[in-house]
Protein backbone atom coordinates (compact mmCIF):
# COMPACT_ATOMS: atom_id res chain seq x y z
CA MET A 1 -17.05 -14.19 37.72
CA SER A 2 -19.37 -11.68 39.38
CA PHE A 3 -20.70 -8.65 37.54
CA SER A 4 -18.21 -6.44 39.40
CA ASP A 5 -15.43 -8.66 38.04
CA TRP A 6 -16.76 -8.26 34.51
CA ALA A 7 -17.03 -4.50 35.02
CA SER A 8 -13.39 -4.42 36.07
CA ALA A 9 -12.40 -6.52 33.05
CA LEU A 10 -14.27 -4.15 30.74
CA ASP A 11 -12.38 -1.29 32.36
CA GLN A 12 -9.17 -3.08 31.34
CA ALA A 13 -10.44 -3.49 27.78
CA GLU A 14 -11.36 0.17 27.45
CA SER A 15 -8.01 1.16 28.96
CA ALA A 16 -6.21 -0.88 26.29
CA VAL A 17 -8.22 0.88 23.58
CA ARG A 18 -7.48 4.33 25.04
CA ALA A 19 -3.77 3.50 25.21
CA LEU A 20 -3.69 3.19 21.41
CA ASP A 21 -5.67 6.37 20.70
CA PRO A 22 -2.66 8.73 21.10
CA TYR A 23 -0.64 6.77 18.54
CA VAL A 24 -3.46 6.83 16.01
CA GLY A 25 -3.92 10.54 16.67
CA GLN A 26 -0.21 11.21 16.26
CA GLY A 27 -0.15 9.35 12.97
CA LEU A 28 -3.05 11.45 11.69
CA ARG A 29 -1.39 14.68 12.83
CA ASN A 30 1.87 13.73 11.14
CA LEU A 31 0.06 13.00 7.89
CA LYS A 32 -1.68 16.34 8.10
CA ALA A 33 1.61 18.13 8.64
CA HIS A 34 3.15 16.40 5.60
CA CYS A 35 0.15 17.06 3.36
CA THR A 36 -0.85 20.63 4.24
CA VAL A 37 0.08 23.44 1.86
CA ASP A 38 -0.74 27.06 2.65
CA GLY A 39 -3.04 25.97 5.41
CA ARG A 40 -5.05 23.55 3.28
CA LEU A 41 -4.93 19.77 3.02
CA ASP A 42 -3.48 18.81 -0.37
CA GLY A 43 -5.27 15.78 -1.79
CA GLU A 44 -2.47 14.87 -4.19
CA LEU A 45 0.07 14.84 -1.37
CA LEU A 46 -2.24 12.75 0.79
CA ASP A 47 -2.57 10.23 -2.04
CA ARG A 48 1.16 9.55 -1.69
CA HIS A 49 0.35 8.06 1.72
CA GLN A 50 -2.52 5.81 0.68
CA LEU A 51 -1.34 2.71 2.52
CA SER A 52 -0.93 4.64 5.76
CA CYS A 53 -4.37 6.22 5.32
CA TYR A 54 -5.91 2.84 4.58
CA GLU A 55 -4.42 1.22 7.67
CA LEU A 56 -5.37 4.14 9.92
CA ALA A 57 -8.97 3.96 8.70
CA PHE A 58 -9.13 0.34 9.80
CA CYS A 59 -7.41 1.17 13.10
CA VAL A 60 -10.07 3.75 13.90
CA ALA A 61 -12.89 1.41 12.81
CA GLU A 62 -11.62 -1.47 14.96
CA LEU A 63 -11.13 0.75 18.00
CA GLU A 64 -14.61 2.26 17.60
CA ALA A 65 -16.11 -1.22 17.31
CA SER A 66 -14.29 -2.18 20.53
CA ARG A 67 -15.61 0.85 22.37
CA GLU A 68 -19.18 0.21 21.31
CA VAL A 69 -19.20 -3.50 22.10
CA CYS A 70 -17.72 -2.84 25.55
CA GLU A 71 -20.33 -0.15 26.20
CA TYR A 72 -23.03 -2.64 25.19
CA ALA A 73 -21.57 -5.34 27.44
CA ARG A 74 -21.73 -3.12 30.54
CA SER A 75 -25.51 -3.17 30.29
CA ALA A 76 -26.06 -6.58 28.73
CA ALA A 77 -23.85 -8.45 31.20
CA GLN A 78 -26.27 -7.61 33.98
CA THR A 79 -28.67 -9.99 32.24
CA ASP A 80 -26.19 -12.34 30.60
CA ALA A 81 -22.51 -12.34 31.53
CA PHE A 82 -21.73 -14.11 28.25
CA ALA A 83 -22.13 -10.73 26.53
CA ALA A 84 -19.06 -9.50 28.41
CA ASN A 85 -17.03 -12.53 27.29
CA ASN A 86 -17.69 -11.65 23.67
CA ALA A 87 -16.80 -7.98 24.15
CA LEU A 88 -13.56 -8.83 25.96
CA ALA A 89 -12.48 -11.41 23.37
CA PHE A 90 -13.22 -9.06 20.49
CA THR A 91 -11.36 -6.16 22.08
CA ALA A 92 -8.32 -8.32 22.87
CA GLU A 93 -8.07 -9.31 19.21
CA ALA A 94 -8.84 -5.81 17.93
CA VAL A 95 -6.14 -4.05 19.96
CA GLN A 96 -3.60 -6.60 18.75
CA SER A 97 -4.70 -5.97 15.16
CA VAL A 98 -4.38 -2.20 15.61
CA MET A 99 -0.98 -2.61 17.25
CA GLN A 100 0.26 -4.67 14.30
CA ARG A 101 -1.00 -2.14 11.78
CA LEU A 102 0.69 0.74 13.62
CA LEU A 103 3.98 -1.12 14.01
CA ALA A 104 4.04 -2.07 10.34
CA ARG A 105 3.52 1.56 9.28
CA SER A 106 5.39 3.23 12.16
CA LYS A 107 8.10 4.72 9.95
CA ASP A 108 5.62 6.02 7.38
CA LEU A 109 3.49 7.55 10.13
CA GLY A 110 6.40 9.03 12.08
CA LEU A 111 5.66 6.90 15.15
CA ASN A 112 8.21 5.62 17.63
CA ALA A 113 8.23 1.84 17.14
CA GLY A 114 10.09 1.38 20.40
CA ASN A 115 7.38 3.14 22.37
CA LEU A 116 4.70 1.09 20.63
CA SER A 117 6.55 -2.12 21.38
CA GLY A 118 6.99 -1.01 24.97
CA LEU A 119 3.25 -0.42 25.29
CA TYR A 120 2.55 -3.87 23.89
CA ALA A 121 5.03 -5.51 26.25
CA GLY A 122 3.79 -3.57 29.27
CA ALA A 123 2.42 -5.48 32.22
CA GLU A 124 -1.09 -4.04 32.00
CA PHE A 125 -1.43 -4.69 28.28
CA GLN A 126 -0.06 -8.21 28.52
CA ALA A 127 -2.26 -9.05 31.50
CA PHE A 128 -5.34 -8.07 29.52
CA LEU A 129 -4.27 -10.08 26.46
CA ALA A 130 -3.27 -13.10 28.56
CA SER A 131 -6.69 -13.18 30.21
CA PHE A 132 -8.96 -12.50 27.28
CA GLY A 133 -6.95 -13.16 24.13
CA SER A 134 -5.82 -16.65 25.04
CA ALA A 135 -6.79 -19.81 23.18
CA GLU A 136 -8.48 -21.03 26.34
CA PHE A 137 -10.71 -17.96 26.65
CA LEU A 138 -11.64 -17.94 22.93
CA ALA A 139 -12.35 -21.69 22.98
CA GLY A 140 -14.47 -21.15 26.06
CA ILE A 141 -16.75 -18.82 24.12
CA GLY A 142 -17.06 -21.40 21.35
CA GLU A 143 -17.78 -24.13 23.86
CA THR A 144 -20.41 -22.04 25.63
CA VAL A 145 -22.28 -21.12 22.47
CA THR A 146 -22.15 -24.76 21.34
CA ALA A 147 -23.59 -25.91 24.66
CA ARG A 148 -26.30 -23.27 24.48
CA GLY A 149 -27.15 -24.14 20.92
CA SER A 150 -28.17 -20.52 20.49
CA LEU A 151 -26.48 -17.26 19.52
CA HIS A 152 -28.98 -15.18 21.46
CA LEU A 153 -27.62 -12.32 23.57
CA PRO A 154 -29.60 -9.47 25.14
CA SER A 155 -30.39 -7.01 22.35
CA LEU A 156 -31.21 -4.04 24.62
CA LEU A 157 -33.81 -3.10 22.01
CA SER A 158 -37.26 -1.80 22.88
CA GLU A 159 -40.26 -4.11 22.87
CA ASP A 160 -41.50 -2.45 19.67
CA LYS A 161 -38.21 -3.13 17.89
CA GLU A 162 -38.23 -6.74 19.05
CA MET A 163 -41.74 -7.16 17.65
CA VAL A 164 -40.60 -5.77 14.31
CA ARG A 165 -37.58 -8.08 14.36
CA ASP A 166 -39.77 -11.11 15.06
CA MET A 167 -42.18 -10.20 12.27
CA PHE A 168 -39.46 -9.90 9.63
CA ALA A 169 -37.62 -12.94 11.00
CA ARG A 170 -40.76 -15.01 10.37
CA PHE A 171 -41.10 -13.56 6.90
CA GLY A 172 -37.45 -14.38 6.19
CA ALA A 173 -37.73 -17.93 7.51
CA ASP A 174 -41.15 -18.79 6.05
CA VAL A 175 -41.14 -16.97 2.70
CA VAL A 176 -37.60 -16.01 1.66
CA ALA A 177 -35.32 -18.78 2.94
CA PRO A 178 -37.16 -21.67 1.20
CA LEU A 179 -36.64 -19.91 -2.15
CA ALA A 180 -33.16 -18.48 -1.57
CA GLU A 181 -31.09 -21.38 -2.89
CA GLU A 182 -33.08 -21.75 -6.11
CA ILE A 183 -32.87 -17.99 -6.77
CA HIS A 184 -29.11 -18.10 -6.26
CA ARG A 185 -28.32 -21.23 -8.24
CA LYS A 186 -30.62 -20.46 -11.18
CA ASP A 187 -29.94 -16.70 -11.08
CA THR A 188 -33.65 -15.95 -11.32
CA ASP A 189 -35.60 -12.81 -10.50
CA ILE A 190 -36.93 -12.30 -7.00
CA PRO A 191 -40.35 -13.99 -7.25
CA ASP A 192 -43.52 -11.98 -6.85
CA GLU A 193 -44.50 -13.94 -3.75
CA ILE A 194 -41.52 -12.38 -1.92
CA LEU A 195 -42.14 -8.90 -3.31
CA ALA A 196 -45.86 -9.01 -2.57
CA LYS A 197 -45.37 -10.13 1.02
CA ALA A 198 -42.58 -7.57 1.50
CA SER A 199 -44.95 -4.85 0.31
CA GLU A 200 -47.68 -6.09 2.63
CA LEU A 201 -45.30 -5.86 5.61
CA GLY A 202 -44.30 -2.29 4.67
CA CYS A 203 -40.76 -3.26 3.74
CA PHE A 204 -40.42 -0.55 1.07
CA GLY A 205 -41.65 2.15 3.42
CA ILE A 206 -39.24 1.56 6.30
CA SER A 207 -37.47 4.89 5.65
CA ILE A 208 -40.52 6.86 4.49
CA PRO A 209 -42.51 8.99 6.97
CA GLU A 210 -45.97 7.87 8.00
CA ARG A 211 -47.57 10.91 6.39
CA PHE A 212 -46.51 9.49 3.02
CA GLY A 213 -47.69 5.97 3.79
CA GLY A 214 -44.41 4.65 5.22
CA LEU A 215 -43.50 3.18 8.59
CA GLN A 216 -41.07 5.84 9.80
CA PRO A 217 -42.39 8.32 12.40
CA ASP A 218 -43.09 11.76 10.96
CA ASP A 219 -41.04 13.58 13.58
CA HIS A 220 -37.76 11.63 13.53
CA ASP A 221 -35.66 9.14 11.58
CA ASP A 222 -35.66 5.49 12.58
CA SER A 223 -32.32 4.14 11.37
CA LEU A 224 -32.32 1.58 14.16
CA GLY A 225 -35.59 0.08 12.97
CA MET A 226 -34.26 -0.03 9.43
CA ILE A 227 -31.16 -2.02 10.32
CA VAL A 228 -33.05 -4.42 12.61
CA VAL A 229 -35.27 -5.29 9.64
CA THR A 230 -32.31 -5.42 7.26
CA GLU A 231 -30.47 -7.93 9.45
CA GLU A 232 -33.36 -10.38 9.36
CA LEU A 233 -33.93 -10.01 5.62
CA SER A 234 -30.20 -10.46 4.91
CA LYS A 235 -30.02 -13.50 7.13
CA ALA A 236 -32.67 -15.12 4.91
CA SER A 237 -30.99 -14.02 1.66
CA LEU A 238 -28.84 -11.02 0.78
CA GLY A 239 -29.80 -11.03 -2.89
CA ALA A 240 -33.46 -11.96 -2.58
CA ALA A 241 -34.42 -9.85 0.45
CA GLY A 242 -31.59 -8.09 2.30
CA SER A 243 -31.30 -5.28 -0.23
CA LEU A 244 -35.00 -4.63 -0.81
CA ILE A 245 -34.92 -1.67 1.57
CA THR A 246 -31.74 -0.05 0.21
CA ARG A 247 -32.99 1.46 -3.02
CA PRO A 248 -36.26 2.91 -1.66
CA GLU A 249 -34.28 4.24 1.33
CA ILE A 250 -31.84 6.16 -0.92
CA ALA A 251 -34.67 7.35 -3.17
CA ALA A 252 -36.75 8.49 -0.20
CA LYS A 253 -33.86 10.37 1.41
CA ALA A 254 -33.16 12.18 -1.88
CA LEU A 255 -36.81 13.17 -2.28
CA LEU A 256 -37.13 14.26 1.33
CA GLN A 257 -33.91 16.28 1.07
CA GLY A 258 -34.49 17.97 -2.28
CA GLY A 259 -37.87 17.10 -3.74
CA THR A 260 -40.63 19.64 -4.12
CA PRO A 261 -43.77 19.10 -2.01
CA ALA A 262 -45.60 17.95 -5.14
CA GLN A 263 -42.86 15.42 -5.94
CA GLN A 264 -42.90 14.09 -2.40
CA GLU A 265 -46.68 13.74 -2.41
CA LYS A 266 -46.62 11.94 -5.75
CA TRP A 267 -43.68 9.57 -5.45
CA LEU A 268 -43.16 8.68 -1.79
CA PRO A 269 -46.54 6.93 -1.29
CA GLN A 270 -46.00 4.90 -4.46
CA ILE A 271 -42.52 3.84 -3.31
CA ALA A 272 -43.69 3.07 0.24
CA SER A 273 -46.50 0.80 -0.96
CA GLY A 274 -44.28 -1.08 -3.39
CA GLU A 275 -46.43 0.12 -6.29
CA LYS A 276 -43.28 1.62 -7.79
CA LEU A 277 -40.18 -0.52 -7.33
CA CYS A 278 -37.09 1.62 -7.68
CA ALA A 279 -33.40 1.33 -8.52
CA ILE A 280 -30.51 3.77 -8.16
CA SER A 281 -28.57 4.62 -11.30
CA ILE A 282 -25.39 6.48 -10.31
CA THR A 283 -22.24 4.53 -11.27
CA GLU A 284 -20.79 4.80 -14.78
CA PRO A 285 -18.44 2.40 -16.57
CA ASN A 286 -15.37 4.63 -16.51
CA TYR A 287 -15.74 6.29 -13.13
CA GLY A 288 -16.85 3.84 -10.44
CA SER A 289 -16.88 5.71 -7.12
CA ASP A 290 -15.66 8.95 -8.74
CA VAL A 291 -19.12 10.49 -8.73
CA ALA A 292 -17.88 14.02 -9.46
CA SER A 293 -16.69 12.92 -12.93
CA LEU A 294 -19.95 11.36 -14.11
CA GLY A 295 -20.78 12.04 -17.73
CA LEU A 296 -24.33 10.86 -18.52
CA LYS A 297 -25.69 13.92 -20.35
CA ALA A 298 -28.99 15.59 -19.55
CA THR A 299 -29.86 18.08 -22.29
CA PRO A 300 -32.72 20.53 -21.72
CA VAL A 301 -35.49 20.43 -24.33
CA GLU A 302 -39.05 21.73 -24.40
CA GLY A 303 -40.95 20.23 -21.49
CA GLY A 304 -38.05 18.30 -20.02
CA TRP A 305 -34.69 16.65 -20.65
CA LEU A 306 -33.06 14.12 -22.96
CA LEU A 307 -30.70 11.62 -21.36
CA ASN A 308 -27.81 10.16 -23.35
CA GLY A 309 -25.08 7.85 -22.10
CA SER A 310 -24.71 4.76 -19.97
CA LYS A 311 -24.73 3.57 -16.39
CA THR A 312 -23.51 0.38 -14.79
CA TRP A 313 -24.18 -1.65 -11.63
CA CYS A 314 -27.77 -0.47 -11.57
CA THR A 315 -29.07 -3.13 -9.18
CA PHE A 316 -32.72 -4.12 -9.64
CA GLY A 317 -32.75 -2.01 -12.80
CA GLY A 318 -34.89 -4.46 -14.75
CA LYS A 319 -37.69 -5.09 -12.30
CA ALA A 320 -37.76 -1.46 -11.16
CA SER A 321 -40.18 0.94 -12.82
CA VAL A 322 -38.38 4.01 -11.43
CA LEU A 323 -34.65 4.72 -11.76
CA ILE A 324 -33.24 7.52 -9.61
CA THR A 325 -30.60 8.67 -12.07
CA MET A 326 -27.68 11.06 -11.70
CA ALA A 327 -26.86 13.03 -14.86
CA ARG A 328 -24.77 16.03 -15.87
CA SER A 329 -27.25 18.81 -16.47
CA GLU A 330 -24.67 21.60 -16.67
CA PRO A 331 -22.33 21.35 -19.71
CA ASP A 332 -19.40 23.04 -17.92
CA GLN A 333 -17.30 19.99 -16.94
CA SER A 334 -15.21 22.10 -14.55
CA LEU A 335 -18.22 22.30 -12.21
CA GLY A 336 -17.55 18.70 -11.20
CA HIS A 337 -20.18 17.43 -8.76
CA LYS A 338 -21.90 20.84 -8.81
CA GLY A 339 -22.99 20.17 -12.39
CA LEU A 340 -24.96 17.04 -11.54
CA SER A 341 -28.72 16.73 -11.14
CA LEU A 342 -30.94 13.88 -10.02
CA PHE A 343 -33.81 12.63 -12.17
CA ILE A 344 -36.78 10.34 -11.61
CA VAL A 345 -36.74 8.14 -14.71
CA GLU A 346 -39.82 6.02 -15.38
CA LYS A 347 -39.79 2.83 -17.44
CA PRO A 348 -41.87 -0.37 -17.59
CA SER A 349 -40.97 -3.09 -15.11
CA ALA A 350 -39.23 -5.98 -16.87
CA SER A 351 -38.39 -9.53 -15.83
CA GLY A 352 -35.28 -11.44 -16.77
CA HIS A 353 -31.75 -10.41 -17.67
CA GLU A 354 -32.47 -7.88 -20.44
CA PHE A 355 -34.93 -5.08 -21.14
CA ARG A 356 -35.59 -2.49 -23.82
CA HIS A 357 -38.23 0.23 -23.95
CA GLN A 358 -38.81 2.75 -26.73
CA GLN A 359 -40.81 5.91 -26.13
CA PRO A 360 -43.37 7.12 -28.71
CA ALA A 361 -40.99 9.95 -29.69
CA GLY A 362 -38.14 7.48 -30.28
CA GLY A 363 -36.11 7.65 -27.07
CA VAL A 364 -34.76 4.32 -25.87
CA ILE A 365 -33.68 2.86 -22.56
CA SER A 366 -32.17 -0.61 -22.51
CA GLY A 367 -30.33 -2.82 -20.06
CA LYS A 368 -28.41 -6.06 -19.76
CA ALA A 369 -27.70 -7.88 -16.51
CA ILE A 370 -24.08 -8.32 -15.44
CA ALA A 371 -23.19 -11.92 -14.59
CA THR A 372 -21.99 -12.10 -10.98
CA ILE A 373 -20.69 -14.83 -8.68
CA GLY A 374 -23.20 -13.98 -5.96
CA TYR A 375 -25.79 -11.41 -4.84
CA ARG A 376 -28.27 -12.89 -7.30
CA GLY A 377 -31.98 -12.21 -7.56
CA MET A 378 -32.00 -8.45 -7.99
CA HIS A 379 -29.54 -8.49 -10.92
CA SER A 380 -27.22 -5.55 -11.58
CA PHE A 381 -27.56 -3.99 -15.01
CA ASP A 382 -25.62 -2.01 -17.56
CA VAL A 383 -28.17 0.62 -18.63
CA PHE A 384 -28.09 2.64 -21.87
CA PHE A 385 -29.98 5.88 -22.57
CA GLU A 386 -30.52 7.14 -26.12
CA ASP A 387 -32.42 10.44 -26.30
CA TYR A 388 -34.59 9.17 -23.45
CA PHE A 389 -37.08 11.88 -22.50
CA VAL A 390 -37.67 12.80 -18.86
CA PRO A 391 -40.36 15.43 -18.05
CA SER A 392 -39.22 18.60 -16.29
CA ASP A 393 -41.21 17.74 -13.16
CA CYS A 394 -39.09 14.60 -12.79
CA LEU A 395 -35.94 16.60 -12.06
CA ILE A 396 -35.74 16.31 -8.27
CA GLY A 397 -36.22 19.82 -6.93
CA GLU A 398 -37.21 20.91 -10.46
CA GLU A 399 -35.29 24.06 -11.49
CA GLY A 400 -34.22 24.64 -7.90
CA GLY A 401 -32.58 21.21 -7.88
CA ARG A 402 -30.30 21.77 -10.86
CA GLY A 403 -26.70 21.09 -9.92
CA LYS A 404 -27.67 19.70 -6.52
CA GLY A 405 -28.09 16.03 -7.34
CA PHE A 406 -24.83 15.04 -5.68
CA TYR A 407 -25.96 16.51 -2.36
CA PHE A 408 -29.41 14.91 -2.56
CA THR A 409 -27.82 11.52 -3.18
CA MET A 410 -25.36 11.89 -0.31
CA ALA A 411 -28.35 12.20 2.04
CA GLY A 412 -29.17 8.60 1.27
CA PHE A 413 -25.65 7.20 1.01
CA ALA A 414 -24.92 7.46 4.76
CA GLY A 415 -28.08 5.47 5.41
CA GLY A 416 -27.03 3.06 2.68
CA ARG A 417 -23.69 2.52 4.40
CA ILE A 418 -25.12 1.73 7.80
CA GLN A 419 -27.68 -0.49 6.14
CA THR A 420 -24.87 -2.34 4.39
CA ALA A 421 -23.29 -2.94 7.80
CA ALA A 422 -26.61 -4.48 8.89
CA ARG A 423 -26.66 -6.59 5.74
CA ALA A 424 -23.19 -7.82 6.66
CA THR A 425 -24.37 -8.70 10.17
CA GLY A 426 -27.33 -10.63 8.79
CA VAL A 427 -25.13 -12.67 6.46
CA MET A 428 -22.69 -13.34 9.31
CA GLN A 429 -25.54 -14.50 11.53
CA ALA A 430 -26.76 -16.96 8.91
CA ALA A 431 -23.25 -18.29 8.26
CA PHE A 432 -22.49 -18.68 11.95
CA GLU A 433 -25.72 -20.55 12.64
CA LYS A 434 -24.95 -23.02 9.86
CA ALA A 435 -21.36 -23.46 11.07
CA LEU A 436 -22.46 -24.02 14.66
CA SER A 437 -25.03 -26.62 13.64
CA TYR A 438 -22.60 -28.44 11.36
CA SER A 439 -19.83 -28.46 13.97
CA ARG A 440 -22.15 -30.28 16.38
CA ASP A 441 -23.40 -32.86 13.87
CA ARG A 442 -20.38 -33.64 11.70
CA LYS A 443 -17.87 -36.15 13.06
CA VAL A 444 -14.21 -36.47 11.99
CA PHE A 445 -11.69 -38.85 13.50
CA GLY A 446 -14.43 -40.14 15.78
CA SER A 447 -15.47 -36.83 17.36
CA PRO A 448 -17.76 -33.94 16.40
CA VAL A 449 -15.91 -31.15 14.57
CA GLY A 450 -17.00 -28.82 17.35
CA ASP A 451 -15.11 -30.79 20.00
CA TYR A 452 -11.72 -29.74 18.66
CA GLN A 453 -10.03 -26.71 20.17
CA LEU A 454 -9.40 -24.97 16.86
CA THR A 455 -13.10 -25.20 15.93
CA LYS A 456 -14.06 -23.83 19.34
CA VAL A 457 -11.63 -20.93 18.86
CA LYS A 458 -13.05 -20.25 15.39
CA LEU A 459 -16.59 -20.23 16.77
CA GLY A 460 -15.51 -18.00 19.66
CA ARG A 461 -13.92 -15.47 17.33
CA MET A 462 -16.88 -15.55 14.97
CA MET A 463 -19.33 -14.99 17.82
CA ALA A 464 -17.29 -12.09 19.22
CA THR A 465 -16.97 -10.45 15.79
CA LEU A 466 -20.68 -10.85 15.08
CA THR A 467 -21.55 -9.29 18.44
CA ALA A 468 -19.24 -6.34 17.81
CA SER A 469 -20.60 -5.74 14.32
CA ARG A 470 -24.21 -5.79 15.50
CA GLN A 471 -23.66 -3.49 18.47
CA PHE A 472 -21.49 -1.08 16.48
CA SER A 473 -24.24 -0.74 13.88
CA TYR A 474 -26.89 -0.25 16.57
CA ALA A 475 -24.82 2.48 18.20
CA VAL A 476 -24.30 4.29 14.89
CA ALA A 477 -28.02 4.01 14.08
CA ARG A 478 -28.83 5.73 17.37
CA MET A 479 -26.34 8.49 16.48
CA MET A 480 -27.90 8.95 13.06
CA ASP A 481 -31.36 9.19 14.56
CA LYS A 482 -30.03 12.20 16.48
CA GLY A 483 -28.68 13.78 13.28
CA GLU A 484 -25.11 12.65 13.98
CA GLY A 485 -22.88 9.70 13.03
CA GLN A 486 -22.05 10.41 9.37
CA MET A 487 -18.40 9.43 9.84
CA GLU A 488 -19.32 6.50 12.06
CA ALA A 489 -21.63 5.18 9.32
CA SER A 490 -18.60 4.91 7.06
CA LEU A 491 -16.53 3.30 9.82
CA VAL A 492 -19.10 0.62 10.63
CA LYS A 493 -19.54 -0.17 6.94
CA LEU A 494 -15.78 -0.54 6.52
CA PHE A 495 -15.47 -2.77 9.57
CA SER A 496 -18.55 -4.97 9.22
CA CYS A 497 -18.15 -5.75 5.53
CA ARG A 498 -14.58 -6.94 5.97
CA ALA A 499 -15.71 -8.93 9.02
CA ALA A 500 -18.45 -10.62 6.99
CA GLU A 501 -15.91 -11.87 4.45
CA TRP A 502 -13.90 -13.46 7.25
CA VAL A 503 -16.83 -14.93 9.19
CA THR A 504 -18.39 -16.50 6.09
CA ARG A 505 -14.99 -17.85 5.09
CA GLU A 506 -14.60 -19.52 8.49
CA ALA A 507 -18.13 -20.93 8.29
CA MET A 508 -17.26 -22.45 4.94
CA GLN A 509 -14.00 -23.82 6.36
CA ILE A 510 -15.76 -25.51 9.28
CA HIS A 511 -17.89 -27.30 6.70
CA GLY A 512 -14.75 -28.64 4.99
CA GLY A 513 -15.38 -29.98 1.50
CA MET A 514 -19.13 -29.56 1.86
CA GLY A 515 -18.60 -25.84 2.35
CA TYR A 516 -17.44 -25.63 -1.25
CA ALA A 517 -20.51 -27.45 -2.55
CA GLU A 518 -23.40 -25.39 -3.87
CA GLU A 519 -25.83 -27.62 -2.04
CA THR A 520 -24.78 -26.02 1.27
CA ALA A 521 -25.93 -22.49 2.01
CA VAL A 522 -22.53 -21.38 3.37
CA SER A 523 -21.12 -21.31 -0.16
CA ARG A 524 -23.82 -18.74 -1.03
CA TYR A 525 -23.10 -16.70 2.08
CA PHE A 526 -19.41 -16.58 1.16
CA VAL A 527 -19.91 -15.25 -2.38
CA ASP A 528 -22.66 -12.89 -1.22
CA ALA A 529 -20.47 -11.44 1.53
CA ARG A 530 -17.77 -10.65 -0.99
CA VAL A 531 -19.86 -7.90 -2.60
CA LEU A 532 -20.34 -6.00 0.65
CA SER A 533 -16.88 -4.40 0.62
CA ILE A 534 -17.45 -3.26 -2.96
CA PHE A 535 -20.87 -1.63 -3.18
CA GLU A 536 -22.21 1.42 -1.31
CA GLY A 537 -18.66 2.80 -1.41
CA ALA A 538 -15.79 0.46 -2.29
CA GLU A 539 -13.58 -0.33 0.69
CA GLU A 540 -10.60 1.54 -0.73
CA THR A 541 -12.57 4.64 -1.69
CA LEU A 542 -14.34 4.66 1.64
CA ALA A 543 -11.10 4.26 3.61
CA LEU A 544 -9.07 6.79 1.60
CA LYS A 545 -11.45 9.41 0.25
CA VAL A 546 -14.05 9.50 3.01
CA ILE A 547 -12.67 8.24 6.32
CA ALA A 548 -8.95 9.02 6.20
CA ARG A 549 -9.35 12.38 4.49
CA ASN A 550 -11.90 13.42 7.09
CA LEU A 551 -9.80 12.17 10.00
CA VAL A 552 -6.62 13.80 8.74
CA SER A 553 -8.33 17.13 8.09
CA ARG A 554 -9.72 17.12 11.65
CA ALA A 555 -6.47 15.98 13.29
């Protein structure tokens, strides 16, 4: 097909997406009408429609991913028409997924199922699906990528970004990947040779401005650069490299948002250089994603604060020498999130699965690693504070930051979400590469696994999903670099993390029995991918409390 033919096909794809928008919008408006009392959205009423909210969040995410991958394909297909194939295949599957979700919840959402069915059965809709959702078309993508032996598509990134990608890809392949399996199987710490090289490359300063010793330009954010690096690190190993940027990114955003000039000058250079490895200590055993209810107590004393209570899922909490810790500084529990402050908690760096440090005055901080099925290397800790003293100048914002910790943390969470989408893309890339290679080499019933139609279809779907995830995250990064895209960051996280679970599952399935063996990397990718929908905002909380609530309120 000529480029004009692909352009016309992409017009069809975007038309199919637009045809579903009114139904999604109507569902949101109906929910708002049901859940509005005295002109305000009632959260308790909205919670009675959680399944509808959950499905609508995924509908919006899938449609946004379709829009972005089609927009990408319009430019990329001028260089490589295969980019358009992937966009068309993804969109054909996405619109069918959205249609199914809407039909299943049509009564709950007040939608006319007959009209939805009529849209689906319409000539234009069916022509699009017949052309680009068929087994033949999907298998054709799998066959093409198998023949190419490469997943490369035009990135549309600048030369500078490509250089950065290449640099971290080499680091991942040469330094991280050879150690990844041992770290995973033995559940060891990330070795110093990875951390030292990561520091040398500026890994910990990706989100810190140049004036503080980081790599980010002083005059604007560089979310796109951050996720390009994250992809390559996550491809090498999610647990041993892919999350190295996350904690310094959240810490840096909090300090840049709320820290005093003195705090920024002191802490940001140390974080950027890797001199101070940091962890984020927010979640508590009884509250999970319910940040507003956190109960770790911060009691004012002469010269500072005493922390008492516990935290959980503090990733990298042992090796880190700085914990960015959320605590309740205001005793009035009714203040909710407005009673929380953010503290810079220092402790000695510790190797292994347990640590304990006692201050000269008697305060104690201790931690024990939580055993997990994957995402090994950084270790996630339960952390306990007993009269642990924190100096007053380690309250972010000092007195002016009291009660503002929630807001300072939120500045970093949006970046954390888009970075998690990039982590998902990196894991998908690694899994797909292994599946592609295995499908070409492994023979069953006398033929390579990759010669069978079902394998080709699997590879075609995986390639299309990977392309959509990558381009969706790039698009959101560009929005965030303009000061926009907060909602889209949540959408791409929701979409990409679920996609990573499916892609790694299919990669494991293509490997057959060997996919279940620890000696093959795809088993690691599968258990690593499973954490992505849980951390940085659990899928359910993200869909219900962030995405759906926002969409309904704006409907």
